[in-house]
Protein backbone atom coordinates (compact mmCIF):
# COMPACT_ATOMS: atom_id res chain seq x y z
CA MET A 1 134.14 116.18 88.07
CA ASP A 2 137.95 116.48 87.64
CA LYS A 3 140.30 114.81 85.25
CA PHE A 4 143.96 114.21 84.98
CA ILE A 5 145.94 114.99 81.92
CA ILE A 6 149.30 113.12 81.86
CA ASP A 7 152.11 113.28 79.51
CA GLY A 8 153.98 110.05 80.07
CA GLY A 9 157.60 109.01 79.66
CA PHE A 10 159.27 111.22 82.34
CA PRO A 11 161.18 109.50 85.18
CA LEU A 12 160.16 110.26 88.73
CA ASN A 13 162.86 111.33 91.12
CA GLY A 14 162.98 112.87 94.61
CA GLU A 15 161.37 112.18 97.92
CA LEU A 16 157.91 112.02 99.35
CA THR A 17 156.21 111.06 102.72
CA PRO A 18 153.03 108.87 102.41
CA SER A 19 149.78 110.00 103.98
CA GLY A 20 148.09 108.20 106.89
CA ASN A 21 146.47 104.86 106.18
CA LYS A 22 143.02 105.42 104.75
CA ASN A 23 141.93 101.87 105.87
CA ALA A 24 143.00 102.76 109.46
CA ALA A 25 141.65 106.19 109.54
CA LEU A 26 138.06 105.13 108.83
CA PRO A 27 137.59 102.60 111.58
CA LEU A 28 139.57 104.80 114.00
CA LEU A 29 137.16 107.66 113.42
CA ALA A 30 134.23 105.27 113.88
CA ALA A 31 135.76 103.93 117.07
CA CYS A 32 135.69 107.29 118.60
CA LEU A 33 132.01 106.77 119.18
CA LEU A 34 132.93 104.26 121.85
CA THR A 35 134.10 106.79 124.32
CA ASP A 36 132.34 109.97 125.75
CA GLU A 37 135.79 111.60 126.31
CA PRO A 38 137.71 113.60 123.79
CA VAL A 39 140.15 111.83 121.37
CA ILE A 40 142.84 113.28 119.15
CA LEU A 41 143.86 111.58 116.02
CA HIS A 42 147.05 112.54 114.15
CA ASN A 43 148.09 111.93 110.59
CA VAL A 44 144.46 111.64 109.28
CA PRO A 45 144.66 111.61 105.51
CA GLU A 46 142.87 114.42 103.60
CA ILE A 47 140.88 112.26 101.28
CA ILE A 48 137.18 112.18 100.25
CA ASP A 49 136.29 108.92 102.01
CA VAL A 50 137.61 110.40 105.37
CA GLN A 51 135.62 113.63 104.63
CA THR A 52 132.45 111.46 104.11
CA MET A 53 133.06 109.63 107.35
CA ILE A 54 133.48 112.99 109.26
CA ARG A 55 130.21 114.12 107.78
CA LEU A 56 128.38 111.06 109.08
CA LEU A 57 129.88 111.52 112.53
CA LYS A 58 128.82 115.18 112.62
CA SER A 59 125.42 114.01 111.79
CA LEU A 60 125.41 111.96 114.94
CA ASN A 61 126.30 115.11 116.92
CA VAL A 62 130.02 114.32 117.26
CA GLN A 63 131.87 117.63 117.86
CA MET A 64 135.00 117.99 115.73
CA THR A 65 137.93 120.41 115.71
CA TYR A 66 140.82 120.27 113.22
CA LEU A 67 143.98 121.26 115.24
CA ASN A 68 145.89 121.27 111.87
CA ASP A 69 145.48 119.82 108.40
CA THR A 70 145.86 116.26 109.47
CA THR A 71 145.04 116.34 113.25
CA VAL A 72 141.44 116.24 114.45
CA LYS A 73 139.93 116.29 117.86
CA LEU A 74 136.57 114.38 118.29
CA ASP A 75 134.20 114.48 121.09
CA ALA A 76 131.30 111.91 121.12
CA ASN A 77 130.08 112.83 124.63
CA ASP A 78 126.58 113.67 123.46
CA ILE A 79 125.82 111.40 120.43
CA LYS A 80 122.37 111.47 118.96
CA PRO A 81 121.59 108.55 116.64
CA ALA A 82 119.81 110.48 113.98
CA ASP A 83 118.63 108.96 110.70
CA LEU A 84 121.84 108.75 108.73
CA ASP A 85 121.82 110.09 105.25
CA PRO A 86 121.59 107.01 102.91
CA ASN A 87 123.31 108.94 100.12
CA LEU A 88 126.34 109.47 102.38
CA CYS A 89 126.38 105.91 103.54
CA ARG A 90 126.40 104.72 99.89
CA LYS A 91 129.50 106.70 99.12
CA ILE A 92 131.77 104.70 101.33
CA ARG A 93 132.04 100.97 102.36
CA ALA A 94 133.15 102.01 105.78
CA SER A 95 129.81 103.39 106.77
CA ILE A 96 128.95 99.97 108.11
CA LEU A 97 131.67 100.41 110.65
CA LEU A 98 129.32 102.78 112.62
CA ALA A 99 127.30 99.73 113.58
CA GLY A 100 129.69 98.28 116.11
CA PRO A 101 130.34 101.41 118.14
CA LEU A 102 126.82 102.64 117.96
CA ILE A 103 125.40 99.37 119.12
CA SER A 104 127.82 99.44 122.11
CA ARG A 105 126.83 103.00 123.01
CA VAL A 106 123.12 103.27 122.42
CA LYS A 107 121.89 99.67 121.98
CA GLU A 108 119.47 100.27 119.13
CA ILE A 109 120.20 101.95 115.80
CA TYR A 110 118.99 102.09 112.18
CA LEU A 111 121.67 102.04 109.54
CA PRO A 112 121.42 102.43 105.60
CA PRO A 113 123.41 99.92 103.63
CA PRO A 114 126.99 100.87 102.73
CA GLY A 115 128.51 101.65 99.30
CA GLY A 116 132.03 101.88 98.02
CA ASP A 117 133.87 100.62 95.11
CA VAL A 118 132.00 98.56 92.47
CA ILE A 119 134.26 95.47 92.42
CA GLY A 120 131.75 92.75 93.00
CA ARG A 121 129.51 91.62 95.76
CA ARG A 122 130.77 92.47 99.28
CA ARG A 123 128.73 90.56 101.78
CA LEU A 124 127.64 91.82 105.14
CA ASP A 125 126.66 88.41 106.44
CA THR A 126 129.99 88.03 108.49
CA HIS A 127 129.16 91.31 110.42
CA ILE A 128 125.61 90.18 111.28
CA LEU A 129 126.67 86.68 112.30
CA ALA A 130 129.37 88.04 114.56
CA PHE A 131 126.87 90.57 116.13
CA SER A 132 124.36 87.74 116.77
CA GLN A 133 126.90 85.85 118.78
CA LEU A 134 127.18 88.90 121.03
CA GLY A 135 123.32 89.05 121.49
CA VAL A 136 122.42 91.49 118.79
CA ILE A 137 119.12 91.06 116.88
CA THR A 138 119.34 92.26 113.29
CA GLN A 139 116.43 92.94 110.92
CA TYR A 140 116.57 94.38 107.38
CA SER A 141 113.57 96.04 105.71
CA ASN A 142 112.80 99.15 103.66
CA ASN A 143 116.51 99.31 102.77
CA LEU A 144 117.54 99.74 106.48
CA PHE A 145 119.31 97.69 108.93
CA HIS A 146 117.76 97.63 112.39
CA PHE A 147 120.27 96.47 115.17
CA LYS A 148 119.07 96.02 118.68
CA VAL A 149 120.64 94.54 121.94
CA ASP A 150 119.71 94.55 125.60
CA GLN A 151 123.21 93.76 126.73
CA LEU A 152 126.24 92.77 124.64
CA HIS A 153 128.04 89.73 126.10
CA GLY A 154 131.29 88.11 125.21
CA ALA A 155 131.38 85.01 123.10
CA ASP A 156 133.51 82.50 121.25
CA ILE A 157 133.15 83.87 117.78
CA LEU A 158 134.36 81.97 114.69
CA MET A 159 134.35 84.47 111.76
CA ASP A 160 132.81 82.68 108.63
CA GLU A 161 135.47 84.59 106.56
CA ALA A 162 138.50 86.76 107.42
CA SER A 163 136.62 89.94 106.48
CA VAL A 164 138.45 93.12 107.29
CA THR A 165 135.45 95.30 108.08
CA GLY A 166 133.60 92.38 109.64
CA THR A 167 136.60 91.85 112.02
CA GLU A 168 136.68 95.64 112.72
CA ASN A 169 133.10 95.80 113.56
CA ALA A 170 133.20 92.74 115.85
CA ILE A 171 136.23 94.21 117.74
CA MET A 172 134.44 97.47 118.35
CA ALA A 173 131.45 95.76 119.58
CA CYS A 174 133.34 93.34 121.84
CA VAL A 175 135.51 95.86 123.76
CA LEU A 176 132.44 97.01 125.81
CA ALA A 177 130.71 93.61 125.99
CA LYS A 178 130.45 91.91 129.32
CA GLY A 179 132.92 89.12 129.77
CA GLN A 180 135.54 87.45 127.48
CA THR A 181 135.47 87.15 123.73
CA THR A 182 137.64 84.91 121.59
CA LEU A 183 137.63 86.15 117.90
CA ARG A 184 138.74 83.44 115.67
CA ASN A 185 139.55 83.64 111.86
CA ALA A 186 139.86 87.36 112.40
CA ALA A 187 141.55 89.52 109.66
CA SER A 188 144.96 90.82 110.75
CA GLU A 189 145.83 93.61 108.26
CA PRO A 190 147.97 96.64 109.50
CA HIS A 191 144.86 98.81 109.86
CA ILE A 192 143.18 96.21 112.09
CA GLN A 193 146.33 96.08 114.29
CA GLU A 194 146.18 99.83 114.58
CA LEU A 195 142.50 99.69 115.43
CA CYS A 196 143.41 97.32 118.24
CA GLN A 197 146.48 99.40 119.44
CA PHE A 198 144.28 102.55 119.36
CA LEU A 199 141.58 100.87 121.37
CA ASN A 200 143.98 99.70 123.96
CA THR A 201 145.32 103.28 124.50
CA LEU A 202 141.70 104.20 125.41
CA GLY A 203 141.53 101.31 127.98
CA ALA A 204 140.35 98.34 125.98
CA LYS A 205 141.96 94.92 126.79
CA ILE A 206 142.71 93.20 123.38
CA GLU A 207 145.47 90.66 123.30
CA ASN A 208 147.24 88.67 120.50
CA ILE A 209 147.15 91.48 118.23
CA GLY A 210 148.49 90.76 114.68
CA SER A 211 147.23 87.26 114.84
CA ASN A 212 144.01 85.61 113.56
CA THR A 213 142.79 84.94 117.11
CA LEU A 214 142.08 87.85 119.27
CA HIS A 215 141.36 87.68 123.01
CA ILE A 216 139.16 90.55 124.11
CA THR A 217 138.13 91.24 127.76
CA GLY A 218 135.20 93.63 127.93
CA VAL A 219 135.57 96.86 129.93
CA ASP A 220 132.84 99.09 131.35
CA ARG A 221 133.99 102.23 129.55
CA LEU A 222 136.72 103.66 127.47
CA HIS A 223 138.46 106.99 128.13
CA GLY A 224 139.87 109.60 125.92
CA GLY A 225 143.33 109.51 124.27
CA GLU A 226 145.67 110.35 121.48
CA PHE A 227 146.93 108.27 118.55
CA SER A 228 148.89 108.73 115.40
CA ILE A 229 147.80 106.82 112.24
CA GLY A 230 150.55 104.93 110.43
CA PRO A 231 151.62 105.28 106.75
CA ASP A 232 149.38 103.94 104.07
CA TYR A 233 151.15 100.88 102.76
CA LEU A 234 148.93 100.81 99.64
CA GLU A 235 149.97 104.37 98.85
CA VAL A 236 153.66 103.50 99.43
CA VAL A 237 153.52 100.56 96.96
CA SER A 238 151.71 102.68 94.43
CA TYR A 239 154.51 105.19 94.41
CA ILE A 240 157.11 102.41 94.32
CA GLY A 241 155.26 101.20 91.17
CA ALA A 242 155.12 104.74 89.65
CA SER A 243 158.92 105.07 90.17
CA VAL A 244 159.56 101.67 88.50
CA VAL A 245 157.39 102.12 85.35
CA THR A 246 158.97 105.54 84.70
CA HIS A 247 162.54 104.25 85.27
CA GLY A 248 163.12 106.81 88.11
CA SER A 249 164.50 106.65 91.54
CA ILE A 250 162.70 107.94 94.71
CA ARG A 251 163.00 107.80 98.50
CA ILE A 252 159.74 107.21 100.45
CA ILE A 253 160.20 108.47 104.00
CA ASP A 254 158.71 106.70 106.95
CA ALA A 255 157.27 104.06 104.72
CA GLY A 256 156.29 101.44 107.39
CA VAL A 257 158.74 98.78 106.10
CA LYS A 258 157.68 96.30 108.75
CA HIS A 259 154.41 95.61 106.89
CA LEU A 260 155.84 95.03 103.39
CA ASP A 261 157.82 91.78 103.63
CA MET A 262 155.08 89.75 101.62
CA VAL A 263 154.57 92.56 99.07
CA LYS A 264 158.28 92.66 98.47
CA LEU A 265 158.45 89.01 97.96
CA VAL A 266 155.69 89.14 95.34
CA MET A 267 157.13 92.28 93.66
CA ASN A 268 160.46 90.46 93.36
CA ARG A 269 158.80 87.95 91.18
CA LEU A 270 158.12 90.71 88.78
CA GLY A 271 161.73 91.97 88.81
CA VAL A 272 160.93 94.93 91.09
CA THR A 273 163.22 95.61 94.03
CA TRP A 274 163.81 98.37 96.60
CA ASP A 275 166.21 99.00 99.29
CA GLU A 276 165.42 99.90 103.00
CA ASP A 277 167.21 102.60 104.96
CA GLY A 278 165.77 102.43 108.46
CA ASP A 279 162.00 102.99 107.94
CA ASP A 280 162.67 104.66 104.48
CA ILE A 281 162.44 102.88 101.13
CA ILE A 282 164.76 103.77 98.28
CA VAL A 283 163.59 102.62 94.74
CA PRO A 284 166.63 102.34 92.51
CA GLU A 285 166.56 103.44 88.95
CA LYS A 286 167.85 100.20 87.58
CA GLN A 287 165.29 97.37 87.90
CA THR A 288 165.59 93.77 86.49
CA LEU A 289 161.98 93.69 85.40
CA VAL A 290 162.09 90.01 84.47
CA ILE A 291 159.28 87.74 85.67
CA GLU A 292 160.63 84.85 87.71
CA PRO A 293 159.11 81.60 86.42
CA ASP A 294 158.11 78.64 88.66
CA LEU A 295 160.05 75.50 88.63
CA GLY A 296 160.21 73.87 85.24
CA ASN A 297 159.82 77.25 83.57
CA ALA A 298 156.12 77.24 84.34
CA ILE A 299 154.11 80.37 84.16
CA PRO A 300 153.97 81.86 87.71
CA GLU A 301 150.81 82.94 89.52
CA ILE A 302 150.13 85.87 91.82
CA SER A 303 147.09 85.28 93.84
CA VAL A 304 145.59 87.39 96.61
CA MET A 305 144.97 86.01 100.01
CA PRO A 306 144.14 87.39 103.45
CA TRP A 307 146.90 89.16 105.26
CA PRO A 308 149.77 88.52 105.72
CA SER A 309 149.60 87.21 102.05
CA PHE A 310 149.31 89.58 99.00
CA PRO A 311 146.44 91.93 99.41
CA THR A 312 143.64 92.33 96.79
CA ASP A 313 143.94 96.16 96.93
CA LEU A 314 147.48 95.81 95.22
CA MET A 315 146.43 93.54 92.41
CA SER A 316 145.74 96.42 90.04
CA ILE A 317 149.18 97.92 90.54
CA ALA A 318 150.84 94.63 90.09
CA ILE A 319 149.12 94.04 86.78
CA VAL A 320 150.51 97.30 85.44
CA LEU A 321 153.95 96.54 86.65
CA ALA A 322 153.72 93.12 84.84
CA THR A 323 153.05 94.95 81.54
CA GLN A 324 156.59 96.36 81.79
CA SER A 325 158.24 93.08 82.91
CA LYS A 326 159.65 90.41 80.57
CA GLY A 327 157.68 87.25 80.59
CA SER A 328 154.21 85.82 81.32
CA ILE A 329 152.37 85.77 84.62
CA LEU A 330 148.93 84.82 85.72
CA PHE A 331 146.97 87.02 88.16
CA HIS A 332 144.15 85.53 90.23
CA ASP A 333 141.75 87.54 92.43
CA TRP A 334 139.17 85.20 93.65
CA MET A 335 137.65 87.84 96.13
CA TYR A 336 136.05 90.27 93.75
CA PRO A 337 134.58 89.37 90.29
CA SER A 338 134.96 92.91 88.87
CA ARG A 339 138.58 93.60 89.91
CA MET A 340 140.07 92.70 86.55
CA TYR A 341 137.64 94.63 84.37
CA PHE A 342 139.82 97.62 84.11
CA THR A 343 142.40 95.48 82.06
CA ASP A 344 140.61 96.30 78.88
CA LYS A 345 141.75 99.87 79.28
CA LEU A 346 145.37 98.73 79.45
CA VAL A 347 144.87 96.60 76.34
CA GLY A 348 143.72 99.76 74.63
CA MET A 349 147.00 101.39 75.64
CA GLY A 350 149.03 98.38 74.02
CA ALA A 351 149.23 95.87 76.93
CA GLN A 352 149.16 92.23 76.06
CA ILE A 353 146.60 90.90 78.50
CA VAL A 354 144.23 87.90 78.22
CA LEU A 355 141.19 88.12 80.57
CA CYS A 356 140.58 84.44 81.21
CA ASP A 357 137.48 85.01 83.32
CA PRO A 358 136.21 87.69 85.85
CA HIS A 359 138.87 86.45 88.39
CA ARG A 360 142.00 85.72 86.22
CA CYS A 361 144.14 87.39 83.52
CA ILE A 362 147.48 86.42 81.94
CA VAL A 363 149.85 89.40 81.21
CA GLN A 364 152.73 89.08 78.75
CA GLY A 365 155.38 91.76 78.89
CA PRO A 366 157.12 94.01 78.39
CA THR A 367 155.08 96.16 76.06
CA ASP A 368 155.24 99.94 75.23
CA LEU A 369 152.03 101.67 76.33
CA SER A 370 150.56 104.58 74.49
CA GLY A 371 148.56 107.51 75.63
CA GLU A 372 144.80 106.91 75.84
CA TYR A 373 141.48 108.46 76.90
CA LEU A 374 140.53 106.59 80.07
CA GLU A 375 138.07 106.62 82.99
CA SER A 376 138.80 105.60 86.55
CA PRO A 377 136.44 102.79 87.62
CA ASP A 378 137.41 102.49 91.39
CA ILE A 379 140.23 103.76 93.69
CA ARG A 380 142.78 101.07 93.07
CA ALA A 381 142.17 100.63 89.33
CA GLY A 382 142.18 104.34 88.98
CA MET A 383 145.66 104.69 90.65
CA ALA A 384 146.83 101.85 88.32
CA LEU A 385 145.77 103.75 85.34
CA VAL A 386 147.72 106.75 86.59
CA LEU A 387 150.86 104.47 86.62
CA ALA A 388 150.15 103.25 83.12
CA ALA A 389 149.74 106.85 81.79
CA LEU A 390 153.05 107.88 83.50
CA SER A 391 154.71 104.99 81.67
CA ALA A 392 152.97 105.59 78.32
CA LYS A 393 154.29 107.51 75.36
CA GLY A 394 152.11 110.56 74.68
CA GLU A 395 149.21 112.13 76.41
CA SER A 396 146.62 110.34 78.49
CA VAL A 397 143.38 111.73 79.90
CA ILE A 398 141.94 110.02 83.06
CA ARG A 399 138.32 111.09 83.83
CA ASN A 400 136.34 110.47 87.14
CA VAL A 401 139.53 110.98 89.28
CA GLY A 402 137.22 111.62 92.20
CA GLN A 403 137.42 107.90 92.63
CA ILE A 404 141.16 108.14 93.12
CA ASP A 405 140.77 111.13 95.44
CA ARG A 406 138.66 108.84 97.73
CA GLY A 407 141.90 106.95 98.74
CA TYR A 408 144.87 109.08 97.69
CA GLN A 409 145.64 112.41 99.11
CA GLN A 410 146.74 115.06 96.56
CA VAL A 411 148.14 112.38 94.27
CA ASP A 412 148.67 114.87 91.42
CA GLU A 413 150.65 117.23 93.58
CA LYS A 414 152.90 114.60 94.91
CA LEU A 415 153.63 113.31 91.43
CA LYS A 416 154.34 116.80 90.21
CA LYS A 417 156.95 117.16 92.98
CA LEU A 418 158.68 114.01 91.64
CA GLY A 419 158.82 115.37 88.09
CA ALA A 420 155.51 113.94 86.59
CA HIS A 421 153.98 115.89 83.92
CA ILE A 422 150.34 115.84 85.29
CA ARG A 423 147.80 118.43 85.69
CA ARG A 424 144.18 118.49 87.10
CA GLU A 425 141.39 120.07 85.07
CA LYS A 426 137.63 120.41 85.52
CA GLU A 427 135.48 118.66 83.12
């Protein structure tokens, strides 16, 4: 197990290029199972979750060749639905994304339940309900899902919630189903848009991409192709936050600004701003860092909602930024009952945070943070603690950074190049 040792209080300056979107890479890797021809993916992030997905695909006899550090060629011509390692499936939530493609290709599979971050219950009912509309029979026993279908057929599917992975699984099952499918209340995050665009390059027929109603015409087969994964907007915003809390100034190259309008609007409420130069983002050294109150000087609220609203995965970063902004603000994450539980670690560093209930907290800032001995509970809270440690006076130790490595590529090396005093050590 690795740990980070961070000496805080040093401004970040310089340039960096974000890695490929983790949440796009995982479904795109799974989607390669839908074709028996080779596929080349560029800008695949070098992170633990991707490595786990690749190990799962290899266990299905998918042939893989790395053409360079971030380009991989996959060939699923001769897949063999073996018993998937339940320990590997438990490592990532995205293991459930193997269901849709495998059902399409081989009609009957057994799949262990997925794992991932411990941030509260993450139901799978949405996946199963969507599959059932396509003709799939699902059974669960002995800690295994059994999916079986004679022939996938198109349907008018109303998702019972705008689940990201549920939408991705439904899309991958629909592209080879016979007939037309209308997928309503679909999630529309950037990574779902990329999945649809990728599948279309392979011959799928998906229309209305980017909306919450997708129209999918089933095709007989998909061919091979080549696709480049876009920048990880969660990583981009994380480094914006790191620059702000250290009073630095950085340029993020090829940041994918088209997906950040709502995030920018919300960050403006915390007094955080950035400039755009083409597809680059420039974070200025001088930030207002004053929380914008609601009308009548009421305490404002930042609440997560499905895309294109503020995403739940950025809630932890926003809370750390609020500790450095003047004023009071309420944060509300109704999606996950454990998202807020890392705030006690910030309180231990000197932050003024009241945890109202599992879903809400109030932050009063600004406060000077002090170095502390910490442990990363999940990917996003772990990165938020890195930001807090960069801002703090003195030395912080963050244990269990393997959680951060699951979603952020070489975060310590990237921060070092920007001037952070951070080092990685073995426990």
